[in-house]
Protein backbone atom coordinates (compact mmCIF):
# COMPACT_ATOMS: atom_id res chain seq x y z
CA UNK A 1 83.02 92.06 113.88
CA UNK A 2 82.13 94.56 116.44
CA UNK A 3 82.35 97.33 114.04
CA UNK A 4 79.83 95.63 111.62
CA UNK A 5 77.54 95.00 114.14
CA UNK A 6 77.51 98.72 115.45
CA UNK A 7 76.94 99.67 111.58
CA UNK A 8 74.22 97.51 111.37
CA UNK A 9 72.54 98.56 114.38
CA UNK A 10 72.77 102.28 113.33
CA UNK A 11 71.27 101.50 109.84
CA UNK A 12 68.33 99.87 111.47
CA UNK A 13 68.23 102.71 113.93
CA UNK A 14 68.13 105.31 111.40
CA UNK A 15 65.33 103.33 109.38
CA UNK A 16 63.15 103.34 112.39
CA UNK A 17 63.76 106.90 112.77
CA UNK A 18 62.44 107.70 109.02
CA UNK A 19 59.64 105.34 109.52
CA UNK A 20 58.57 106.66 112.49
CA UNK A 21 59.17 110.32 111.44
CA UNK A 22 57.18 109.78 108.30
CA UNK A 23 53.60 110.77 109.20
CA UNK A 24 55.16 113.69 111.11
CA UNK A 25 55.70 115.68 107.92
CA UNK A 26 53.93 114.06 105.26
CA UNK A 27 50.41 115.16 106.52
CA UNK A 28 48.13 118.10 105.39
CA UNK A 29 49.07 121.23 106.85
CA UNK A 30 48.45 124.99 106.87
CA UNK A 31 50.76 127.80 107.02
CA UNK A 32 50.51 131.58 106.93
CA UNK A 33 52.25 133.67 104.44
CA UNK A 34 53.66 136.13 107.05
CA UNK A 35 51.82 136.38 110.06
CA UNK A 36 48.05 135.43 111.01
CA UNK A 37 47.28 138.06 113.56
CA UNK A 38 44.36 137.82 115.82
CA UNK A 39 41.47 140.34 114.42
CA UNK A 40 42.95 140.62 111.08
CA UNK A 41 43.39 139.11 107.73
CA UNK A 42 46.02 136.62 106.53
CA UNK A 43 46.85 134.48 103.53
CA UNK A 44 47.56 131.02 104.28
CA UNK A 45 48.51 127.83 102.30
CA UNK A 46 47.25 124.67 102.60
CA UNK A 47 50.00 122.16 101.66
CA UNK A 48 49.19 118.65 100.51
CA UNK A 49 51.54 115.93 99.92
CA UNK A 50 50.92 112.86 97.79
CA UNK A 51 51.80 109.94 100.04
CA UNK A 52 50.99 107.19 97.42
CA UNK A 53 53.13 105.51 94.95
CA UNK A 54 50.79 104.42 92.29
CA UNK A 55 47.75 107.30 92.86
CA UNK A 56 47.52 111.03 92.56
CA UNK A 57 45.52 113.36 94.72
CA UNK A 58 42.51 114.61 92.75
CA UNK A 59 40.43 116.24 95.51
CA UNK A 60 41.06 118.45 98.69
CA UNK A 61 38.16 119.44 100.73
CA UNK A 62 38.81 121.78 103.70
CA UNK A 63 36.30 122.23 106.16
CA UNK A 64 36.15 125.38 108.39
CA UNK A 65 35.98 125.80 112.27
CA UNK A 66 32.21 126.18 113.04
CA UNK A 67 33.03 127.62 116.56
CA UNK A 68 35.06 130.50 115.05
CA UNK A 69 33.33 131.25 111.72
CA UNK A 70 35.21 133.16 109.19
CA UNK A 71 33.01 135.68 106.83
CA UNK A 72 35.72 136.48 104.21
CA UNK A 73 37.49 133.49 102.44
CA UNK A 74 39.02 134.28 98.77
CA UNK A 75 40.95 131.48 96.89
CA UNK A 76 43.98 132.30 94.79
CA UNK A 77 43.53 130.34 91.31
CA UNK A 78 45.80 127.29 91.11
CA UNK A 79 46.67 125.79 87.85
CA UNK A 80 44.73 122.58 86.95
CA UNK A 81 42.24 123.08 89.61
CA UNK A 82 38.81 123.94 90.31
CA UNK A 83 37.85 125.64 93.38
CA UNK A 84 34.46 125.74 95.14
CA UNK A 85 33.47 127.97 98.15
CA UNK A 86 30.46 126.72 100.18
CA UNK A 87 28.61 129.18 102.43
CA UNK A 88 26.22 128.51 105.15
CA UNK A 89 23.76 130.76 107.36
CA UNK A 90 24.83 131.50 110.95
CA UNK A 91 22.67 130.76 113.94
CA UNK A 92 24.43 133.96 115.42
CA UNK A 93 25.30 136.70 112.91
CA UNK A 94 28.83 138.10 113.07
CA UNK A 95 29.74 141.70 113.24
CA UNK A 96 32.50 142.83 110.89
CA UNK A 97 33.35 146.62 110.63
CA UNK A 98 30.07 147.65 112.17
CA UNK A 99 28.22 145.54 109.87
CA UNK A 100 26.18 142.32 110.67
CA UNK A 101 27.29 138.98 108.69
CA UNK A 102 24.53 136.48 108.49
CA UNK A 103 26.71 133.95 106.40
CA UNK A 104 30.28 132.43 106.82
CA UNK A 105 32.34 130.19 104.72
CA UNK A 106 31.96 126.45 106.07
CA UNK A 107 33.96 124.68 103.16
CA UNK A 108 36.65 125.01 100.26
CA UNK A 109 36.84 122.35 97.71
CA UNK A 110 39.60 121.92 95.00
CA UNK A 111 39.19 119.21 92.38
CA UNK A 112 41.64 118.55 89.60
CA UNK A 113 40.87 118.86 86.02
CA UNK A 114 44.15 117.20 85.23
CA UNK A 115 46.53 114.79 86.74
CA UNK A 116 46.41 116.33 89.95
CA UNK A 117 49.10 115.78 92.50
CA UNK A 118 51.06 113.03 91.34
CA UNK A 119 53.52 110.48 93.24
CA UNK A 120 56.40 112.49 94.73
CA UNK A 121 55.09 115.90 94.75
CA UNK A 122 53.00 118.21 96.76
CA UNK A 123 50.95 121.34 96.06
CA UNK A 124 50.04 124.41 98.00
CA UNK A 125 46.48 125.95 97.99
CA UNK A 126 46.15 129.72 99.05
CA UNK A 127 43.33 131.27 100.62
CA UNK A 128 42.95 134.98 101.89
CA UNK A 129 40.88 134.69 105.15
CA UNK A 130 39.58 136.89 107.89
CA UNK A 131 38.72 138.40 109.99
CA UNK A 132 40.61 136.10 112.34
CA UNK A 133 39.00 135.73 115.59
CA UNK A 134 40.49 137.15 118.83
CA UNK A 135 39.19 134.79 121.48
CA UNK A 136 41.42 131.74 120.32
CA UNK A 137 44.99 131.01 119.68
CA UNK A 138 44.61 128.77 116.90
CA UNK A 139 42.06 127.47 114.23
CA UNK A 140 41.47 123.89 113.47
CA UNK A 141 40.59 122.98 109.75
CA UNK A 142 39.40 119.36 109.05
CA UNK A 143 40.77 118.21 105.62
CA UNK A 144 39.76 115.39 103.45
CA UNK A 145 42.34 114.10 100.71
CA UNK A 146 41.05 111.98 97.99
CA UNK A 147 43.12 109.82 95.41
CA UNK A 148 42.81 108.80 91.99
CA UNK A 149 42.15 105.18 93.02
CA UNK A 150 39.23 106.59 95.14
CA UNK A 151 41.21 106.03 98.60
CA UNK A 152 39.99 108.79 100.92
CA UNK A 153 42.31 109.98 103.90
CA UNK A 154 40.76 112.29 106.49
CA UNK A 155 42.85 114.72 108.25
CA UNK A 156 40.55 115.43 111.18
CA UNK A 157 41.97 114.07 114.36
CA UNK A 158 43.07 116.96 116.90
CA UNK A 159 45.88 116.96 119.01
CA UNK A 160 45.21 116.54 122.87
CA UNK A 161 47.34 118.08 125.46
CA UNK A 162 49.92 115.78 126.78
CA UNK A 163 49.45 112.98 124.26
CA UNK A 164 51.79 112.26 121.12
CA UNK A 165 50.57 113.61 117.63
CA UNK A 166 47.56 111.59 116.05
CA UNK A 167 48.20 109.28 112.65
CA UNK A 168 45.98 111.73 110.80
CA UNK A 169 46.25 115.11 112.57
CA UNK A 170 44.14 118.11 111.48
CA UNK A 171 45.72 121.25 110.11
CA UNK A 172 46.21 123.75 112.63
CA UNK A 173 46.74 127.31 112.12
CA UNK A 174 48.56 129.39 115.08
CA UNK A 175 47.29 132.95 115.45
CA UNK A 176 49.77 135.51 116.51
CA UNK A 177 48.88 138.60 118.91
CA UNK A 178 46.59 141.15 117.52
CA UNK A 179 47.90 144.33 115.90
CA UNK A 180 46.79 147.84 115.99
CA UNK A 181 45.53 148.08 112.40
CA UNK A 182 44.39 144.57 112.03
CA UNK A 183 46.10 143.96 108.67
CA UNK A 184 48.33 141.23 109.53
CA UNK A 185 51.46 140.89 107.69
CA UNK A 186 50.17 143.56 105.02
CA UNK A 187 50.76 146.29 107.59
CA UNK A 188 54.44 144.99 108.47
CA UNK A 189 55.34 145.17 104.77
CA UNK A 190 54.17 148.65 104.61
CA UNK A 191 56.21 149.51 107.75
CA UNK A 192 58.93 148.22 106.46
CA UNK A 193 58.65 150.22 103.32
CA UNK A 194 58.01 153.40 105.36
CA UNK A 195 61.38 152.67 107.25
CA UNK A 196 63.18 152.10 104.34
CA UNK A 197 62.03 155.17 102.68
CA UNK A 198 62.83 157.13 106.00
CA UNK A 199 66.40 155.44 105.85
CA UNK A 200 66.80 156.66 102.22
CA UNK A 201 66.04 160.05 103.06
CA UNK A 202 68.31 160.12 105.87
CA UNK A 203 71.07 159.28 103.89
CA UNK A 204 70.51 161.42 101.08
CA UNK A 205 70.47 164.54 103.47
CA UNK A 206 73.39 163.34 105.06
CA UNK A 207 75.22 163.06 101.69
CA UNK A 208 74.01 166.42 100.80
CA UNK A 209 75.52 167.85 104.03
CA UNK A 210 78.59 166.06 103.58
CA UNK A 211 78.96 167.56 99.88
CA UNK A 212 78.16 171.13 101.21
CA UNK A 213 80.44 170.84 104.07
CA UNK A 214 83.25 169.49 101.57
CA UNK A 215 82.46 172.49 99.05
CA UNK A 216 82.65 175.01 102.14
CA UNK A 217 86.02 173.71 103.04
CA UNK A 218 87.10 173.75 99.55
CA UNK A 219 86.08 177.28 99.18
CA UNK A 220 87.58 178.38 102.65
CA UNK A 221 91.11 176.72 101.69
CA UNK A 222 91.00 178.55 98.06
CA UNK A 223 90.20 181.84 99.78
CA UNK A 224 93.19 181.38 102.11
CA UNK A 225 95.39 180.68 99.58
CA UNK A 226 94.64 183.50 97.51
CA UNK A 227 94.89 185.76 100.71
CA UNK A 228 98.29 184.62 101.27
CA UNK A 229 99.25 185.19 97.67
CA UNK A 230 97.94 188.79 98.00
CA UNK A 231 99.85 189.45 100.81
CA UNK A 232 103.14 188.20 99.19
CA UNK A 233 102.53 190.19 96.32
CA UNK A 234 101.85 193.23 98.23
CA UNK A 235 105.21 192.82 100.09
CA UNK A 236 107.04 192.35 97.13
CA UNK A 237 105.43 195.49 95.69
CA UNK A 238 106.37 197.51 98.72
CA UNK A 239 109.99 196.15 98.56
CA UNK A 240 110.39 196.99 94.92
CA UNK A 241 109.15 200.53 95.51
CA UNK A 242 111.54 201.02 98.36
CA UNK A 243 114.47 199.94 96.40
CA UNK A 244 113.61 201.91 93.27
CA UNK A 245 113.27 205.14 95.80
CA UNK A 246 116.89 204.48 96.96
CA UNK A 247 118.16 204.15 93.41
CA UNK A 248 116.74 207.41 92.45
CA UNK A 249 118.01 209.15 95.71
CA UNK A 250 121.57 207.79 95.09
CA UNK A 251 121.55 208.68 91.46
């Protein structure tokens, strides 16, 4: 009886955990592909899950932070979706690579031209963005998700210090420390390729040195053998000459 009660309690507890943890992983989120370094550029993915059993997600609208405007935003094509990038004039121009930028991206909207994100699936929407600001540790994007039954979910609530995660949190992109070249993860890939090439060159040089050393050792060994053979032949020749001389004298 006690075992049955314990098992039942465990099932209830597990169900509660699943129910409570559901909103934590089912909301719209944003993650960089590699790193998102301050002052650089990055490719980020907006991950959109479908939370409904009988409706598909047919539209996603991502609003960009007005307090940290981004001058460059390029979407990657997504099969089955049309994308629209919205710009607006800035009250205070940005300076990018020595040039003043008067416009910034305010919104990117994806609209399904087919079935959209069906129940039980999720979709990633990639963007190349930059230059990332250097005076903040994160960027907050407010997202609006629309379903085929006209239901609208607004992922716009911001996380406050010391409080639990809101029911509909806005996607947050964490920014890493600035890099010297301000190219984000692409620079890391290039550095890794350079390191790999250097390692390959070092290995090739070491292999060549080993081969030459082996060849040199082989040549030295051959020379030594031939030298010994020559000495033996020379000694034998001298001995033969001495014996021949004695025979003639005796004769």
